[in-house]
């Protein structure tokens, strides 16, 4: 995994090569709107329980591929 310094250097190199003013303005807005400090979000008891259930599903192999889920959703939508 890349270190923060390597990521930062790579981003600086990429930004220096951008000539499109609109892209640079969008990047500036995105970076400016990002807080330097991460806000801590408190989860509800129910949210924590859902995350624990998800972890248990992963550990027990109760997974479905995105492709299978898309197919299932389309079948359900077509059945309406």
Protein backbone atom coordinates (compact mmCIF):
# COMPACT_ATOMS: atom_id res chain seq x y z
CA UNK A 1 0.00 0.00 0.00
CA UNK A 2 1.27 3.45 -0.90
CA UNK A 3 2.24 5.84 1.81
CA UNK A 4 0.49 9.18 2.21
CA UNK A 5 3.59 10.99 0.92
CA UNK A 6 3.72 8.84 -2.23
CA UNK A 7 0.02 9.41 -2.90
CA UNK A 8 0.41 13.15 -2.35
CA UNK A 9 3.41 13.34 -4.68
CA UNK A 10 1.59 11.38 -7.35
CA UNK A 11 -1.41 13.68 -7.11
CA UNK A 12 0.78 16.78 -7.34
CA UNK A 13 2.46 15.40 -10.48
CA UNK A 14 -0.93 14.69 -12.06
CA UNK A 15 -2.33 18.09 -11.11
CA UNK A 16 0.70 19.85 -12.60
CA UNK A 17 0.03 18.15 -15.94
CA UNK A 18 -3.64 19.24 -16.14
CA UNK A 19 -4.23 22.08 -18.59
CA UNK A 20 -8.05 22.13 -18.46
CA UNK A 21 -9.20 25.07 -16.35
CA UNK A 22 -12.60 23.49 -15.58
CA UNK A 23 -10.97 20.32 -14.24
CA UNK A 24 -8.62 22.38 -12.06
CA UNK A 25 -11.52 24.47 -10.72
CA UNK A 26 -13.48 21.30 -9.93
CA UNK A 27 -10.48 19.84 -8.10
CA UNK A 28 -10.00 23.10 -6.20
CA UNK A 29 -13.66 23.10 -5.14
CA UNK A 30 -13.49 19.47 -4.07
CA UNK A 31 -10.32 19.96 -2.06
CA UNK A 32 -11.57 23.21 -0.51
CA UNK A 33 -14.82 21.62 0.57
CA UNK A 34 -13.04 18.71 2.25
CA UNK A 35 -12.50 19.27 5.92
CA UNK A 36 -8.97 18.78 7.24
CA UNK A 37 -10.43 16.98 10.22
CA UNK A 38 -12.67 13.97 9.80
CA UNK A 39 -16.04 14.33 11.46
CA UNK A 40 -16.86 11.47 13.79
CA UNK A 41 -20.27 10.02 13.06
CA UNK A 42 -22.01 8.09 15.79
CA UNK A 43 -23.84 5.00 14.57
CA UNK A 44 -27.14 3.93 16.04
CA UNK A 45 -27.54 0.59 17.77
CA UNK A 46 -29.43 -0.67 14.72
CA UNK A 47 -26.71 0.47 12.30
CA UNK A 48 -24.05 -1.30 14.36
CA UNK A 49 -26.18 -4.43 14.43
CA UNK A 50 -26.60 -4.35 10.63
CA UNK A 51 -22.82 -4.00 10.19
CA UNK A 52 -22.24 -6.96 12.51
CA UNK A 53 -24.75 -9.01 10.52
CA UNK A 54 -22.97 -8.06 7.29
CA UNK A 55 -19.62 -9.13 8.74
CA UNK A 56 -21.15 -12.46 9.78
CA UNK A 57 -22.52 -12.94 6.25
CA UNK A 58 -19.05 -12.33 4.79
CA UNK A 59 -17.36 -14.67 7.27
CA UNK A 60 -19.89 -17.42 6.52
CA UNK A 61 -19.72 -17.04 2.74
CA UNK A 62 -23.27 -15.75 2.36
CA UNK A 63 -22.40 -13.57 -0.62
CA UNK A 64 -23.83 -12.87 -4.06
CA UNK A 65 -21.97 -11.42 -7.02
CA UNK A 66 -22.95 -8.03 -8.41
CA UNK A 67 -23.88 -9.72 -11.68
CA UNK A 68 -26.22 -12.16 -9.92
CA UNK A 69 -27.73 -9.32 -7.88
CA UNK A 70 -28.32 -7.26 -11.04
CA UNK A 71 -30.03 -10.27 -12.67
CA UNK A 72 -32.18 -10.84 -9.58
CA UNK A 73 -33.17 -7.16 -9.48
CA UNK A 74 -34.12 -7.14 -13.18
CA UNK A 75 -36.24 -10.26 -12.72
CA UNK A 76 -37.97 -8.64 -9.76
CA UNK A 77 -38.55 -5.37 -11.65
CA UNK A 78 -39.94 -7.23 -14.67
CA UNK A 79 -42.33 -9.09 -12.40
CA UNK A 80 -43.99 -5.88 -11.17
